[in-house]
């Protein structure tokens, strides 16, 4: 049995807490929301973000960050990516000397263009960063909580750390694979949310499955070009953290990013859409970060550029789709060295 801290008790953090609790671990969930903490501790349910799923085992919640991480051997970051640096700075002095920090957050820091592992390295130091693990793959919180068979990947440079995460979280219908490609896994998880916004726009425009299939496939090409330029591996993008997560997020009805894109395609304003959502659609902020990162690396990412134009430049989803189809013709694998 391990002491596992989960920072962020939204739907995904709570679902991971539910899995870890079922597996027999002592789990401490941290949330800023006192209503969430009370619901978990008193009624054993996160009624705000994961209603209908009872938490089993030694799972407790707290509003005190130090209490959550104290003596934890695995700390899982499940808060929105834009809050990660602040949370790491607050918990740094409380972490166990040999803690494994796991990111279950799929985003890139806008201000720096850094992946979550790079942010952790700056805040926590090289030794802790060397044990950093990214948990990613096709996984909706509601389905994980309901016990639907799910496969994800734990990626990192330290095999002992990835194996520890695999052993701690693999239980019944939740299966964790390991991978040594931290860069590709992080970028696959982050950029797929941008492509999911585009897929939602295609759906909102009333276009069919030809269009969705083309969007997903060309979106994977964009993700792969960026990941390869950053040191990732092409096989990672063909796996759970790449194609698997991309297909889920672009087609699944539970995808928040797809929902935002769909509503944009139907003509609603972004501010109006976001005001009605309980949880963060990471792709909205990540689009800005990915566009800046791609420009700095001189990587061509036309879908990302068009999503950015719709989100932040007042362009209509239909005009964005038309501009993508009007681009100059080229080879399918141009820019990837394949």
C-alpha atoms as a PDB file:
ATOM      1  CA  UNK A   1       0.000   0.000   0.000  1.00  0.00           C
ATOM      2  CA  UNK A   2       1.268   3.478  -0.907  1.00  0.00           C
ATOM      3  CA  UNK A   3       0.365   6.967   0.259  1.00  0.00           C
ATOM      4  CA  UNK A   4      -0.786   8.772  -2.882  1.00  0.00           C
ATOM      5  CA  UNK A   5      -1.612  12.482  -3.013  1.00  0.00           C
ATOM      6  CA  UNK A   6      -3.785  13.826  -5.824  1.00  0.00           C
ATOM      7  CA  UNK A   7      -3.660  17.579  -6.373  1.00  0.00           C
ATOM      8  CA  UNK A   8      -6.935  18.618  -7.934  1.00  0.00           C
ATOM      9  CA  UNK A   9     -10.274  16.981  -7.207  1.00  0.00           C
ATOM     10  CA  UNK A  10     -12.015  17.660 -10.480  1.00  0.00           C
ATOM     11  CA  UNK A  11     -13.482  14.783 -12.427  1.00  0.00           C
ATOM     12  CA  UNK A  12     -10.152  13.263 -13.508  1.00  0.00           C
ATOM     13  CA  UNK A  13      -8.396  13.691 -10.158  1.00  0.00           C
ATOM     14  CA  UNK A  14     -11.351  12.132  -8.367  1.00  0.00           C
ATOM     15  CA  UNK A  15     -11.510   9.234 -10.819  1.00  0.00           C
ATOM     16  CA  UNK A  16      -7.816   8.510 -10.219  1.00  0.00           C
ATOM     17  CA  UNK A  17      -8.470   8.700  -6.477  1.00  0.00           C
ATOM     18  CA  UNK A  18     -11.295   6.218  -6.898  1.00  0.00           C
ATOM     19  CA  UNK A  19      -8.999   3.797  -8.785  1.00  0.00           C
ATOM     20  CA  UNK A  20      -6.204   4.154  -6.214  1.00  0.00           C
ATOM     21  CA  UNK A  21      -8.649   3.713  -3.346  1.00  0.00           C
ATOM     22  CA  UNK A  22     -10.064   0.549  -4.859  1.00  0.00           C
ATOM     23  CA  UNK A  23      -6.485  -0.733  -5.230  1.00  0.00           C
ATOM     24  CA  UNK A  24      -5.977  -0.349  -1.470  1.00  0.00           C
ATOM     25  CA  UNK A  25      -3.837   2.791  -1.305  1.00  0.00           C
ATOM     26  CA  UNK A  26      -4.161   5.633   1.195  1.00  0.00           C
ATOM     27  CA  UNK A  27      -5.291   8.556  -0.956  1.00  0.00           C
ATOM     28  CA  UNK A  28      -5.395  12.251  -0.067  1.00  0.00           C
ATOM     29  CA  UNK A  29      -7.263  14.450  -2.528  1.00  0.00           C
ATOM     30  CA  UNK A  30      -6.593  18.186  -2.439  1.00  0.00           C
ATOM     31  CA  UNK A  31      -9.169  20.730  -3.579  1.00  0.00           C
ATOM     32  CA  UNK A  32      -9.669  24.461  -3.141  1.00  0.00           C
ATOM     33  CA  UNK A  33     -13.418  23.795  -3.067  1.00  0.00           C
ATOM     34  CA  UNK A  34     -14.726  23.229   0.469  1.00  0.00           C
ATOM     35  CA  UNK A  35     -17.967  21.797  -0.915  1.00  0.00           C
ATOM     36  CA  UNK A  36     -16.019  19.130  -2.803  1.00  0.00           C
ATOM     37  CA  UNK A  37     -13.948  18.277   0.292  1.00  0.00           C
ATOM     38  CA  UNK A  38     -17.029  17.944   2.491  1.00  0.00           C
ATOM     39  CA  UNK A  39     -18.848  15.808  -0.065  1.00  0.00           C
ATOM     40  CA  UNK A  40     -15.930  13.374  -0.343  1.00  0.00           C
ATOM     41  CA  UNK A  41     -15.319  13.124   3.407  1.00  0.00           C
ATOM     42  CA  UNK A  42     -18.937  13.025   4.561  1.00  0.00           C
ATOM     43  CA  UNK A  43     -20.935  11.484   1.719  1.00  0.00           C
ATOM     44  CA  UNK A  44     -18.062   9.695  -0.100  1.00  0.00           C
ATOM     45  CA  UNK A  45     -19.049  11.337  -3.399  1.00  0.00           C
ATOM     46  CA  UNK A  46     -17.711  14.286  -5.386  1.00  0.00           C
ATOM     47  CA  UNK A  47     -21.132  15.634  -6.256  1.00  0.00           C
ATOM     48  CA  UNK A  48     -19.708  18.656  -8.079  1.00  0.00           C
ATOM     49  CA  UNK A  49     -17.416  16.926 -10.592  1.00  0.00           C
ATOM     50  CA  UNK A  50     -18.069  13.170 -10.500  1.00  0.00           C
ATOM     51  CA  UNK A  51     -21.592  12.608  -9.232  1.00  0.00           C
ATOM     52  CA  UNK A  52     -22.919   9.092  -8.962  1.00  0.00           C
ATOM     53  CA  UNK A  53     -19.646   7.341  -8.133  1.00  0.00           C
ATOM     54  CA  UNK A  54     -18.910   6.351  -4.537  1.00  0.00           C
ATOM     55  CA  UNK A  55     -15.332   6.528  -3.311  1.00  0.00           C
ATOM     56  CA  UNK A  56     -14.125   3.323  -1.665  1.00  0.00           C
ATOM     57  CA  UNK A  57     -11.270   2.612   0.721  1.00  0.00           C
ATOM     58  CA  UNK A  58      -8.965   5.057   2.480  1.00  0.00           C
ATOM     59  CA  UNK A  59      -9.715   8.151   0.380  1.00  0.00           C
ATOM     60  CA  UNK A  60      -9.979  11.514   2.133  1.00  0.00           C
ATOM     61  CA  UNK A  61     -10.010  15.095   0.910  1.00  0.00           C
ATOM     62  CA  UNK A  62      -8.494  18.268   2.305  1.00  0.00           C
ATOM     63  CA  UNK A  63      -8.173  21.958   1.494  1.00  0.00           C
ATOM     64  CA  UNK A  64      -4.659  21.981   3.017  1.00  0.00           C
ATOM     65  CA  UNK A  65      -1.993  21.325   0.399  1.00  0.00           C
ATOM     66  CA  UNK A  66       0.685  20.426   2.940  1.00  0.00           C
ATOM     67  CA  UNK A  67      -1.572  17.870   4.585  1.00  0.00           C
ATOM     68  CA  UNK A  68      -2.291  16.231   1.236  1.00  0.00           C
ATOM     69  CA  UNK A  69       1.330  15.755   0.135  1.00  0.00           C
ATOM     70  CA  UNK A  70       3.028  15.130   3.488  1.00  0.00           C
ATOM     71  CA  UNK A  71       4.736  11.688   3.420  1.00  0.00           C
ATOM     72  CA  UNK A  72       3.224  10.869   0.012  1.00  0.00           C
ATOM     73  CA  UNK A  73       5.442   8.654  -2.147  1.00  0.00           C
ATOM     74  CA  UNK A  74       3.469   9.475  -5.317  1.00  0.00           C
ATOM     75  CA  UNK A  75       2.013  12.939  -5.961  1.00  0.00           C
ATOM     76  CA  UNK A  76      -0.347  13.221  -8.936  1.00  0.00           C
ATOM     77  CA  UNK A  77      -0.939  16.661 -10.452  1.00  0.00           C
ATOM     78  CA  UNK A  78      -4.525  16.799 -11.716  1.00  0.00           C
ATOM     79  CA  UNK A  79      -5.261  20.532 -11.523  1.00  0.00           C
ATOM     80  CA  UNK A  80      -5.487  22.704 -14.673  1.00  0.00           C
ATOM     81  CA  UNK A  81      -2.080  23.211 -16.273  1.00  0.00           C
ATOM     82  CA  UNK A  82      -2.054  26.988 -15.787  1.00  0.00           C
ATOM     83  CA  UNK A  83      -2.146  26.437 -11.987  1.00  0.00           C
ATOM     84  CA  UNK A  84       0.696  23.900 -11.932  1.00  0.00           C
ATOM     85  CA  UNK A  85       3.655  26.197 -11.259  1.00  0.00           C
ATOM     86  CA  UNK A  86       1.968  27.908  -8.315  1.00  0.00           C
ATOM     87  CA  UNK A  87       0.927  24.587  -6.783  1.00  0.00           C
ATOM     88  CA  UNK A  88       4.406  23.088  -7.176  1.00  0.00           C
ATOM     89  CA  UNK A  89       5.957  26.146  -5.525  1.00  0.00           C
ATOM     90  CA  UNK A  90       3.540  25.850  -2.602  1.00  0.00           C
ATOM     91  CA  UNK A  91       4.134  22.137  -2.024  1.00  0.00           C
ATOM     92  CA  UNK A  92       7.881  21.997  -2.741  1.00  0.00           C
ATOM     93  CA  UNK A  93       8.969  22.175   0.903  1.00  0.00           C
ATOM     94  CA  UNK A  94       6.553  19.424   1.949  1.00  0.00           C
ATOM     95  CA  UNK A  95       7.541  16.729  -0.530  1.00  0.00           C
ATOM     96  CA  UNK A  96       9.220  13.470   0.504  1.00  0.00           C
ATOM     97  CA  UNK A  97      12.862  13.259  -0.610  1.00  0.00           C
ATOM     98  CA  UNK A  98      12.172  10.365  -3.003  1.00  0.00           C
ATOM     99  CA  UNK A  99       8.704  11.374  -4.168  1.00  0.00           C
ATOM    100  CA  UNK A 100       7.562  10.519  -7.688  1.00  0.00           C
ATOM    101  CA  UNK A 101       5.664  13.451  -9.195  1.00  0.00           C
ATOM    102  CA  UNK A 102       3.112  12.430 -11.810  1.00  0.00           C
ATOM    103  CA  UNK A 103       1.398  14.794 -14.227  1.00  0.00           C
ATOM    104  CA  UNK A 104      -2.153  13.864 -15.172  1.00  0.00           C
ATOM    105  CA  UNK A 105      -2.530  17.390 -16.581  1.00  0.00           C
ATOM    106  CA  UNK A 106      -2.505  17.881 -20.359  1.00  0.00           C
ATOM    107  CA  UNK A 107      -1.240  21.329 -21.200  1.00  0.00           C
ATOM    108  CA  UNK A 108       1.700  23.627 -21.920  1.00  0.00           C
ATOM    109  CA  UNK A 109       2.591  26.757 -19.948  1.00  0.00           C
ATOM    110  CA  UNK A 110       1.772  29.740 -22.166  1.00  0.00           C
ATOM    111  CA  UNK A 111       4.285  32.152 -20.678  1.00  0.00           C
ATOM    112  CA  UNK A 112       7.296  29.866 -21.183  1.00  0.00           C
ATOM    113  CA  UNK A 113       6.230  27.231 -23.732  1.00  0.00           C
ATOM    114  CA  UNK A 114       7.340  24.622 -21.198  1.00  0.00           C
ATOM    115  CA  UNK A 115       5.827  21.201 -20.760  1.00  0.00           C
ATOM    116  CA  UNK A 116       4.704  20.258 -17.251  1.00  0.00           C
ATOM    117  CA  UNK A 117       7.868  18.206 -16.705  1.00  0.00           C
ATOM    118  CA  UNK A 118       9.996  21.252 -17.513  1.00  0.00           C
ATOM    119  CA  UNK A 119       8.005  23.408 -15.094  1.00  0.00           C
ATOM    120  CA  UNK A 120       8.502  20.748 -12.410  1.00  0.00           C
ATOM    121  CA  UNK A 121      12.224  20.660 -13.132  1.00  0.00           C
ATOM    122  CA  UNK A 122      12.528  24.407 -12.615  1.00  0.00           C
ATOM    123  CA  UNK A 123      10.543  24.414  -9.392  1.00  0.00           C
ATOM    124  CA  UNK A 124      11.567  21.119  -7.767  1.00  0.00           C
ATOM    125  CA  UNK A 125      15.110  20.665  -9.074  1.00  0.00           C
ATOM    126  CA  UNK A 126      16.827  18.151 -11.336  1.00  0.00           C
ATOM    127  CA  UNK A 127      16.758  15.197  -8.946  1.00  0.00           C
ATOM    128  CA  UNK A 128      13.000  15.272  -8.503  1.00  0.00           C
ATOM    129  CA  UNK A 129      12.483  16.069 -12.182  1.00  0.00           C
ATOM    130  CA  UNK A 130      14.463  12.960 -13.097  1.00  0.00           C
ATOM    131  CA  UNK A 131      11.743  10.853 -11.464  1.00  0.00           C
ATOM    132  CA  UNK A 132       8.901  12.792 -13.121  1.00  0.00           C
ATOM    133  CA  UNK A 133       6.203  10.714 -14.830  1.00  0.00           C
ATOM    134  CA  UNK A 134       3.492  11.767 -17.291  1.00  0.00           C
ATOM    135  CA  UNK A 135       0.225   9.810 -17.137  1.00  0.00           C
ATOM    136  CA  UNK A 136      -1.667  10.125 -20.403  1.00  0.00           C
ATOM    137  CA  UNK A 137      -3.897   8.262 -22.822  1.00  0.00           C
ATOM    138  CA  UNK A 138      -7.549   7.842 -23.820  1.00  0.00           C
ATOM    139  CA  UNK A 139      -9.482   8.135 -20.563  1.00  0.00           C
ATOM    140  CA  UNK A 140     -12.722   9.925 -19.702  1.00  0.00           C
ATOM    141  CA  UNK A 141     -13.168  10.290 -15.948  1.00  0.00           C
ATOM    142  CA  UNK A 142     -16.783   9.117 -15.943  1.00  0.00           C
ATOM    143  CA  UNK A 143     -15.918   5.892 -17.759  1.00  0.00           C
ATOM    144  CA  UNK A 144     -12.912   5.173 -15.529  1.00  0.00           C
ATOM    145  CA  UNK A 145     -15.081   5.684 -12.447  1.00  0.00           C
ATOM    146  CA  UNK A 146     -17.723   3.367 -13.909  1.00  0.00           C
ATOM    147  CA  UNK A 147     -15.097   0.633 -14.332  1.00  0.00           C
ATOM    148  CA  UNK A 148     -15.002   0.590 -18.138  1.00  0.00           C
ATOM    149  CA  UNK A 149     -11.809  -1.047 -19.473  1.00  0.00           C
ATOM    150  CA  UNK A 150      -9.240   1.724 -19.932  1.00  0.00           C
ATOM    151  CA  UNK A 151      -5.583   1.726 -21.017  1.00  0.00           C
ATOM    152  CA  UNK A 152      -3.190   4.618 -20.377  1.00  0.00           C
ATOM    153  CA  UNK A 153       0.568   5.146 -20.396  1.00  0.00           C
ATOM    154  CA  UNK A 154       3.030   6.219 -17.690  1.00  0.00           C
ATOM    155  CA  UNK A 155       6.014   7.838 -19.395  1.00  0.00           C
ATOM    156  CA  UNK A 156       9.281   9.012 -17.896  1.00  0.00           C
ATOM    157  CA  UNK A 157      13.063   8.745 -18.040  1.00  0.00           C
ATOM    158  CA  UNK A 158      13.393   6.761 -14.786  1.00  0.00           C
ATOM    159  CA  UNK A 159      12.163   3.193 -15.302  1.00  0.00           C
ATOM    160  CA  UNK A 160      11.774   2.666 -11.540  1.00  0.00           C
ATOM    161  CA  UNK A 161       9.437   5.640 -11.351  1.00  0.00           C
ATOM    162  CA  UNK A 162       7.275   4.580 -14.289  1.00  0.00           C
ATOM    163  CA  UNK A 163       7.082   1.032 -12.961  1.00  0.00           C
ATOM    164  CA  UNK A 164       6.078   2.348  -9.524  1.00  0.00           C
ATOM    165  CA  UNK A 165       3.226   4.336 -11.067  1.00  0.00           C
ATOM    166  CA  UNK A 166       2.220   1.355 -13.193  1.00  0.00           C
ATOM    167  CA  UNK A 167       2.109  -0.918 -10.154  1.00  0.00           C
ATOM    168  CA  UNK A 168       0.232   1.594  -8.000  1.00  0.00           C
ATOM    169  CA  UNK A 169      -2.540   2.448 -10.447  1.00  0.00           C
ATOM    170  CA  UNK A 170      -3.066  -0.727 -12.489  1.00  0.00           C
ATOM    171  CA  UNK A 171      -6.140  -2.341 -10.974  1.00  0.00           C
ATOM    172  CA  UNK A 172      -8.985  -4.374 -12.435  1.00  0.00           C
ATOM    173  CA  UNK A 173     -10.151  -2.539 -15.585  1.00  0.00           C
ATOM    174  CA  UNK A 174      -7.564   0.273 -15.386  1.00  0.00           C
ATOM    175  CA  UNK A 175      -4.391  -0.807 -17.180  1.00  0.00           C
ATOM    176  CA  UNK A 176      -1.173   1.241 -17.213  1.00  0.00           C
ATOM    177  CA  UNK A 177       1.577   0.704 -19.789  1.00  0.00           C
ATOM    178  CA  UNK A 178       5.081   2.212 -19.454  1.00  0.00           C
ATOM    179  CA  UNK A 179       6.985   4.300 -21.990  1.00  0.00           C
ATOM    180  CA  UNK A 180      10.374   6.035 -21.953  1.00  0.00           C
ATOM    181  CA  UNK A 181       9.301   8.909 -24.228  1.00  0.00           C
ATOM    182  CA  UNK A 182       8.297  11.694 -21.843  1.00  0.00           C
ATOM    183  CA  UNK A 183       8.413  14.432 -24.518  1.00  0.00           C
ATOM    184  CA  UNK A 184       6.177  12.659 -27.022  1.00  0.00           C
ATOM    185  CA  UNK A 185       3.714  11.607 -24.339  1.00  0.00           C
ATOM    186  CA  UNK A 186       3.382  15.113 -22.918  1.00  0.00           C
ATOM    187  CA  UNK A 187       2.987  16.774 -26.301  1.00  0.00           C
ATOM    188  CA  UNK A 188       0.534  14.146 -27.531  1.00  0.00           C
ATOM    189  CA  UNK A 189      -1.687  14.750 -24.520  1.00  0.00           C
ATOM    190  CA  UNK A 190      -1.509  18.526 -24.788  1.00  0.00           C
ATOM    191  CA  UNK A 191      -1.855  19.143 -28.526  1.00  0.00           C
ATOM    192  CA  UNK A 192      -4.669  16.635 -29.047  1.00  0.00           C
ATOM    193  CA  UNK A 193      -6.924  19.069 -27.176  1.00  0.00           C
ATOM    194  CA  UNK A 194      -6.276  21.692 -29.854  1.00  0.00           C
ATOM    195  CA  UNK A 195      -7.183  19.214 -32.580  1.00  0.00           C
ATOM    196  CA  UNK A 196     -10.299  18.218 -30.616  1.00  0.00           C
ATOM    197  CA  UNK A 197     -11.465  21.839 -30.723  1.00  0.00           C
ATOM    198  CA  UNK A 198     -11.130  21.690 -34.507  1.00  0.00           C
ATOM    199  CA  UNK A 199     -12.981  18.362 -34.653  1.00  0.00           C
ATOM    200  CA  UNK A 200     -15.800  19.887 -32.644  1.00  0.00           C
ATOM    201  CA  UNK A 201     -15.979  22.807 -35.070  1.00  0.00           C
ATOM    202  CA  UNK A 202     -16.286  20.358 -37.971  1.00  0.00           C
ATOM    203  CA  UNK A 203     -19.188  18.670 -36.186  1.00  0.00           C
ATOM    204  CA  UNK A 204     -20.808  21.988 -35.299  1.00  0.00           C
ATOM    205  CA  UNK A 205     -20.687  23.020 -38.945  1.00  0.00           C
ATOM    206  CA  UNK A 206     -22.704  19.913 -39.810  1.00  0.00           C
ATOM    207  CA  UNK A 207     -19.920  18.243 -41.783  1.00  0.00           C
ATOM    208  CA  UNK A 208     -19.667  14.470 -41.927  1.00  0.00           C
ATOM    209  CA  UNK A 209     -17.344  11.630 -41.014  1.00  0.00           C
ATOM    210  CA  UNK A 210     -15.090  12.156 -44.049  1.00  0.00           C
ATOM    211  CA  UNK A 211     -14.212  15.553 -42.628  1.00  0.00           C
ATOM    212  CA  UNK A 212     -13.703  14.276 -39.079  1.00  0.00           C
ATOM    213  CA  UNK A 213     -11.444  11.437 -40.253  1.00  0.00           C
ATOM    214  CA  UNK A 214      -9.345  13.826 -42.346  1.00  0.00           C
ATOM    215  CA  UNK A 215      -9.090  16.278 -39.449  1.00  0.00           C
ATOM    216  CA  UNK A 216      -7.949  13.608 -36.975  1.00  0.00           C
ATOM    217  CA  UNK A 217      -5.357  12.193 -39.370  1.00  0.00           C
ATOM    218  CA  UNK A 218      -3.906  15.555 -40.382  1.00  0.00           C
ATOM    219  CA  UNK A 219      -4.031  16.621 -36.739  1.00  0.00           C
ATOM    220  CA  UNK A 220      -1.883  13.635 -35.830  1.00  0.00           C
ATOM    221  CA  UNK A 221       0.617  14.792 -38.450  1.00  0.00           C
ATOM    222  CA  UNK A 222       0.815  18.193 -36.740  1.00  0.00           C
ATOM    223  CA  UNK A 223       1.315  16.649 -33.316  1.00  0.00           C
ATOM    224  CA  UNK A 224       3.995  14.324 -34.684  1.00  0.00           C
ATOM    225  CA  UNK A 225       5.921  17.124 -36.421  1.00  0.00           C
ATOM    226  CA  UNK A 226       6.076  19.134 -33.216  1.00  0.00           C
ATOM    227  CA  UNK A 227       6.928  16.136 -31.030  1.00  0.00           C
ATOM    228  CA  UNK A 228       9.744  15.016 -33.329  1.00  0.00           C
ATOM    229  CA  UNK A 229      11.193  18.530 -33.377  1.00  0.00           C
ATOM    230  CA  UNK A 230      11.180  18.516 -29.567  1.00  0.00           C
ATOM    231  CA  UNK A 231      12.836  15.098 -29.262  1.00  0.00           C
ATOM    232  CA  UNK A 232       9.808  12.803 -29.075  1.00  0.00           C
ATOM    233  CA  UNK A 233       9.456   9.471 -30.870  1.00  0.00           C
ATOM    234  CA  UNK A 234       7.114   8.755 -33.762  1.00  0.00           C
ATOM    235  CA  UNK A 235       5.961   5.417 -32.277  1.00  0.00           C
ATOM    236  CA  UNK A 236       4.666   7.208 -29.181  1.00  0.00           C
ATOM    237  CA  UNK A 237       2.310   9.245 -31.351  1.00  0.00           C
ATOM    238  CA  UNK A 238       1.002   6.019 -32.913  1.00  0.00           C
ATOM    239  CA  UNK A 239       0.153   4.698 -29.435  1.00  0.00           C
ATOM    240  CA  UNK A 240      -2.090   5.461 -26.487  1.00  0.00           C
ATOM    241  CA  UNK A 241      -0.723   8.945 -25.803  1.00  0.00           C
ATOM    242  CA  UNK A 242      -0.998   9.916 -29.472  1.00  0.00           C
ATOM    243  CA  UNK A 243      -3.582   8.351 -31.753  1.00  0.00           C
ATOM    244  CA  UNK A 244      -5.505   6.735 -28.883  1.00  0.00           C
ATOM    245  CA  UNK A 245      -6.062   9.932 -26.936  1.00  0.00           C
ATOM    246  CA  UNK A 246      -6.624  11.961 -30.118  1.00  0.00           C
ATOM    247  CA  UNK A 247      -9.413   9.698 -31.404  1.00  0.00           C
ATOM    248  CA  UNK A 248     -11.141   9.670 -28.015  1.00  0.00           C
ATOM    249  CA  UNK A 249     -11.037  13.432 -27.539  1.00  0.00           C
ATOM    250  CA  UNK A 250     -12.056  14.238 -31.112  1.00  0.00           C
ATOM    251  CA  UNK A 251     -15.030  11.854 -31.222  1.00  0.00           C
ATOM    252  CA  UNK A 252     -16.225  11.208 -27.663  1.00  0.00           C
ATOM    253  CA  UNK A 253     -19.376  12.886 -26.385  1.00  0.00           C
ATOM    254  CA  UNK A 254     -17.723  13.451 -22.977  1.00  0.00           C
ATOM    255  CA  UNK A 255     -14.890  15.547 -24.471  1.00  0.00           C
ATOM    256  CA  UNK A 256     -14.971  19.116 -23.137  1.00  0.00           C
ATOM    257  CA  UNK A 257     -12.701  20.375 -25.898  1.00  0.00           C
ATOM    258  CA  UNK A 258     -14.830  18.814 -28.618  1.00  0.00           C
ATOM    259  CA  UNK A 259     -17.899  20.385 -27.001  1.00  0.00           C
ATOM    260  CA  UNK A 260     -16.338  23.862 -27.044  1.00  0.00           C
ATOM    261  CA  UNK A 261     -15.399  23.474 -30.705  1.00  0.00           C
ATOM    262  CA  UNK A 262     -18.840  22.165 -31.593  1.00  0.00           C
ATOM    263  CA  UNK A 263     -20.554  25.152 -30.017  1.00  0.00           C
ATOM    264  CA  UNK A 264     -18.147  27.517 -31.791  1.00  0.00           C
ATOM    265  CA  UNK A 265     -19.047  25.799 -35.065  1.00  0.00           C
ATOM    266  CA  UNK A 266     -22.700  26.470 -34.295  1.00  0.00           C
ATOM    267  CA  UNK A 267     -21.955  30.161 -33.931  1.00  0.00           C
ATOM    268  CA  UNK A 268     -21.833  30.689 -30.174  1.00  0.00           C
ATOM    269  CA  UNK A 269     -19.273  33.026 -28.614  1.00  0.00           C
ATOM    270  CA  UNK A 270     -16.335  31.519 -26.716  1.00  0.00           C
ATOM    271  CA  UNK A 271     -16.988  33.499 -23.530  1.00  0.00           C
ATOM    272  CA  UNK A 272     -20.598  32.336 -23.452  1.00  0.00           C
ATOM    273  CA  UNK A 273     -19.584  28.692 -23.918  1.00  0.00           C
ATOM    274  CA  UNK A 274     -16.926  28.743 -21.206  1.00  0.00           C
ATOM    275  CA  UNK A 275     -19.169  30.533 -18.702  1.00  0.00           C
ATOM    276  CA  UNK A 276     -21.487  27.539 -18.653  1.00  0.00           C
ATOM    277  CA  UNK A 277     -18.780  24.924 -18.006  1.00  0.00           C
ATOM    278  CA  UNK A 278     -17.786  23.509 -14.599  1.00  0.00           C
ATOM    279  CA  UNK A 279     -14.364  22.244 -15.656  1.00  0.00           C
ATOM    280  CA  UNK A 280     -11.553  23.610 -17.796  1.00  0.00           C
ATOM    281  CA  UNK A 281     -11.281  22.850 -21.522  1.00  0.00           C
ATOM    282  CA  UNK A 282      -7.471  22.756 -21.618  1.00  0.00           C
ATOM    283  CA  UNK A 283      -7.309  23.209 -25.377  1.00  0.00           C
ATOM    284  CA  UNK A 284      -8.481  26.816 -25.226  1.00  0.00           C
ATOM    285  CA  UNK A 285      -5.338  27.985 -23.437  1.00  0.00           C
ATOM    286  CA  UNK A 286      -3.101  25.306 -24.925  1.00  0.00           C
ATOM    287  CA  UNK A 287      -3.851  26.579 -28.444  1.00  0.00           C
ATOM    288  CA  UNK A 288      -2.034  29.809 -27.613  1.00  0.00           C
ATOM    289  CA  UNK A 289       0.931  27.951 -26.127  1.00  0.00           C
ATOM    290  CA  UNK A 290       1.222  25.498 -29.036  1.00  0.00           C
ATOM    291  CA  UNK A 291       1.026  28.259 -31.643  1.00  0.00           C
ATOM    292  CA  UNK A 292       3.829  30.180 -29.925  1.00  0.00           C
ATOM    293  CA  UNK A 293       5.931  27.031 -29.519  1.00  0.00           C
ATOM    294  CA  UNK A 294       5.449  26.026 -33.175  1.00  0.00           C
ATOM    295  CA  UNK A 295       6.392  29.493 -34.382  1.00  0.00           C
ATOM    296  CA  UNK A 296       9.535  29.535 -32.248  1.00  0.00           C
ATOM    297  CA  UNK A 297      10.568  26.142 -33.699  1.00  0.00           C
ATOM    298  CA  UNK A 298       9.414  27.045 -37.251  1.00  0.00           C
ATOM    299  CA  UNK A 299       7.053  24.056 -37.320  1.00  0.00           C
ATOM    300  CA  UNK A 300       4.080  24.277 -39.684  1.00  0.00           C
ATOM    301  CA  UNK A 301       0.798  23.583 -37.827  1.00  0.00           C
ATOM    302  CA  UNK A 302      -2.064  24.849 -40.014  1.00  0.00           C
ATOM    303  CA  UNK A 303      -4.921  23.338 -37.990  1.00  0.00           C
ATOM    304  CA  UNK A 304      -3.564  24.904 -34.813  1.00  0.00           C
ATOM    305  CA  UNK A 305      -3.244  28.248 -36.604  1.00  0.00           C
ATOM    306  CA  UNK A 306      -6.865  28.136 -37.735  1.00  0.00           C
ATOM    307  CA  UNK A 307      -8.129  27.106 -34.289  1.00  0.00           C
ATOM    308  CA  UNK A 308      -6.206  30.052 -32.828  1.00  0.00           C
ATOM    309  CA  UNK A 309      -7.800  32.359 -35.385  1.00  0.00           C
ATOM    310  CA  UNK A 310     -11.290  31.213 -34.391  1.00  0.00           C
ATOM    311  CA  UNK A 311     -10.613  31.430 -30.641  1.00  0.00           C
ATOM    312  CA  UNK A 312      -8.692  34.705 -30.524  1.00  0.00           C
ATOM    313  CA  UNK A 313      -8.941  36.558 -33.841  1.00  0.00           C
ATOM    314  CA  UNK A 314     -12.670  36.584 -34.535  1.00  0.00           C
ATOM    315  CA  UNK A 315     -12.539  34.197 -37.500  1.00  0.00           C
ATOM    316  CA  UNK A 316     -15.566  32.013 -38.181  1.00  0.00           C
ATOM    317  CA  UNK A 317     -15.241  28.237 -38.018  1.00  0.00           C
ATOM    318  CA  UNK A 318     -16.520  27.941 -41.586  1.00  0.00           C
ATOM    319  CA  UNK A 319     -13.908  30.363 -42.905  1.00  0.00           C
ATOM    320  CA  UNK A 320     -11.218  28.417 -41.037  1.00  0.00           C
ATOM    321  CA  UNK A 321     -12.338  25.152 -42.648  1.00  0.00           C
ATOM    322  CA  UNK A 322     -12.385  26.740 -46.095  1.00  0.00           C
ATOM    323  CA  UNK A 323      -8.869  28.125 -45.651  1.00  0.00           C
ATOM    324  CA  UNK A 324      -7.533  24.722 -44.618  1.00  0.00           C
ATOM    325  CA  UNK A 325      -8.954  23.131 -47.767  1.00  0.00           C
ATOM    326  CA  UNK A 326      -7.493  25.899 -49.953  1.00  0.00           C
ATOM    327  CA  UNK A 327      -3.889  25.365 -48.804  1.00  0.00           C
ATOM    328  CA  UNK A 328      -1.272  24.463 -51.440  1.00  0.00           C
ATOM    329  CA  UNK A 329      -1.049  20.757 -52.273  1.00  0.00           C
ATOM    330  CA  UNK A 330       1.843  18.786 -50.800  1.00  0.00           C
ATOM    331  CA  UNK A 331       3.125  15.308 -49.894  1.00  0.00           C
ATOM    332  CA  UNK A 332       1.359  13.531 -47.037  1.00  0.00           C
ATOM    333  CA  UNK A 333       4.424  13.183 -44.827  1.00  0.00           C
ATOM    334  CA  UNK A 334       6.149  16.454 -45.713  1.00  0.00           C
ATOM    335  CA  UNK A 335       8.009  17.998 -42.791  1.00  0.00           C
ATOM    336  CA  UNK A 336       8.353  14.755 -40.819  1.00  0.00           C
ATOM    337  CA  UNK A 337      11.453  13.290 -42.485  1.00  0.00           C
ATOM    338  CA  UNK A 338       9.620  10.035 -43.190  1.00  0.00           C
END
